[in-house]
Amino acid sequence: MGQVEQRMIRECYLRRKALPERIQNAPDLFVGLEVYFNAFTELNTCRSTGWSAGPIPSWTIDDYADKLGLTEDETEDLHYHIRMM
């Protein structure tokens, strides 16, 4: 949880107001998944565009994984998570 959310929680507590829905229903994320989200946001600009955004090309994911020094298994995981997003 970021500083903004922590400040919102504190303000709601002090003012005895309900927490915003986005904080009440925030997903539980596992530690370590930020690498996949960061990769997705950085590689998102590599999509071909036309009537809609296409998939992120596999070669850009591979290049990104190489720059991070990921193993073959980690690169496969990166491909999986980016495709799911």
Protein backbone atom coordinates (compact mmCIF):
# COMPACT_ATOMS: atom_id res chain seq x y z
CA MET A 1 0.00 0.00 0.00
CA GLY A 2 1.36 3.37 -0.98
CA GLN A 3 1.68 6.58 0.96
CA VAL A 4 -1.43 8.06 -0.64
CA GLU A 5 -3.57 5.12 0.45
CA GLN A 6 -2.11 5.19 3.96
CA ARG A 7 -2.90 8.90 4.23
CA MET A 8 -6.46 8.27 3.03
CA ILE A 9 -6.94 5.54 5.63
CA ARG A 10 -5.64 7.81 8.39
CA GLU A 11 -7.92 10.68 7.29
CA CYS A 12 -10.96 8.40 7.12
CA TYR A 13 -10.18 7.06 10.58
CA LEU A 14 -9.74 10.54 12.06
CA ARG A 15 -12.94 11.84 10.45
CA ARG A 16 -14.84 8.62 11.16
CA LYS A 17 -15.70 8.11 7.52
CA ALA A 18 -15.93 4.89 5.54
CA LEU A 19 -12.92 3.87 3.51
CA PRO A 20 -13.18 4.40 -0.26
CA GLU A 21 -14.28 1.31 -2.16
CA ARG A 22 -10.96 1.00 -3.99
CA ILE A 23 -9.20 0.60 -0.64
CA GLN A 24 -11.85 -1.68 0.89
CA ASN A 25 -11.72 -3.99 -2.13
CA ALA A 26 -8.01 -3.72 -2.91
CA PRO A 27 -6.56 -6.98 -4.24
CA ASP A 28 -3.96 -8.89 -2.28
CA LEU A 29 -0.78 -8.98 -4.32
CA PHE A 30 2.08 -11.33 -3.72
CA VAL A 31 5.53 -9.85 -3.14
CA GLY A 32 7.67 -10.01 -6.26
CA LEU A 33 4.95 -9.53 -8.86
CA GLU A 34 5.90 -5.91 -9.45
CA VAL A 35 8.56 -7.00 -11.95
CA TYR A 36 5.80 -8.27 -14.26
CA PHE A 37 3.68 -5.15 -13.89
CA ASN A 38 6.68 -2.90 -14.51
CA ALA A 39 7.60 -4.92 -17.60
CA PHE A 40 4.04 -4.67 -18.88
CA THR A 41 3.89 -0.91 -18.46
CA GLU A 42 7.28 -0.40 -20.11
CA LEU A 43 6.60 -2.78 -23.01
CA ASN A 44 3.04 -1.59 -23.55
CA THR A 45 4.34 1.09 -25.91
CA CYS A 46 5.77 -1.61 -28.21
CA ARG A 47 2.31 -2.79 -29.28
CA SER A 48 1.25 -2.32 -32.86
CA THR A 49 -1.70 0.01 -33.11
CA GLY A 50 -4.45 0.27 -35.61
CA TRP A 51 -8.11 -0.15 -34.83
CA SER A 52 -7.02 -1.55 -31.47
CA ALA A 53 -3.79 -2.28 -29.64
CA GLY A 54 -2.18 -5.57 -30.60
CA PRO A 55 -0.23 -7.90 -28.36
CA ILE A 56 3.20 -7.03 -27.04
CA PRO A 57 5.67 -8.72 -29.43
CA SER A 58 7.49 -11.74 -28.00
CA TRP A 59 10.87 -10.45 -29.12
CA THR A 60 10.46 -7.29 -27.02
CA ILE A 61 9.67 -9.42 -23.97
CA ASP A 62 12.78 -11.50 -24.68
CA ASP A 63 14.93 -8.37 -25.05
CA TYR A 64 13.53 -6.99 -21.80
CA ALA A 65 14.27 -10.29 -20.02
CA ASP A 66 17.83 -10.28 -21.40
CA LYS A 67 18.39 -6.76 -20.08
CA LEU A 68 17.19 -7.86 -16.65
CA GLY A 69 19.37 -10.96 -16.79
CA LEU A 70 16.45 -13.36 -16.30
CA THR A 71 16.87 -17.10 -16.59
CA GLU A 72 14.97 -19.14 -19.18
CA ASP A 73 12.31 -20.11 -16.61
CA GLU A 74 11.95 -16.52 -15.43
CA THR A 75 11.60 -15.39 -19.05
CA GLU A 76 8.82 -17.93 -19.59
CA ASP A 77 7.09 -16.57 -16.48
CA LEU A 78 7.48 -13.04 -17.82
CA HIS A 79 5.86 -14.04 -21.11
CA TYR A 80 2.99 -15.71 -19.25
CA HIS A 81 2.23 -12.78 -16.96
CA ILE A 82 2.44 -10.18 -19.71
CA ARG A 83 0.09 -12.23 -21.90
CA MET A 84 -2.38 -12.52 -19.02
CA MET A 85 -2.37 -8.75 -18.53
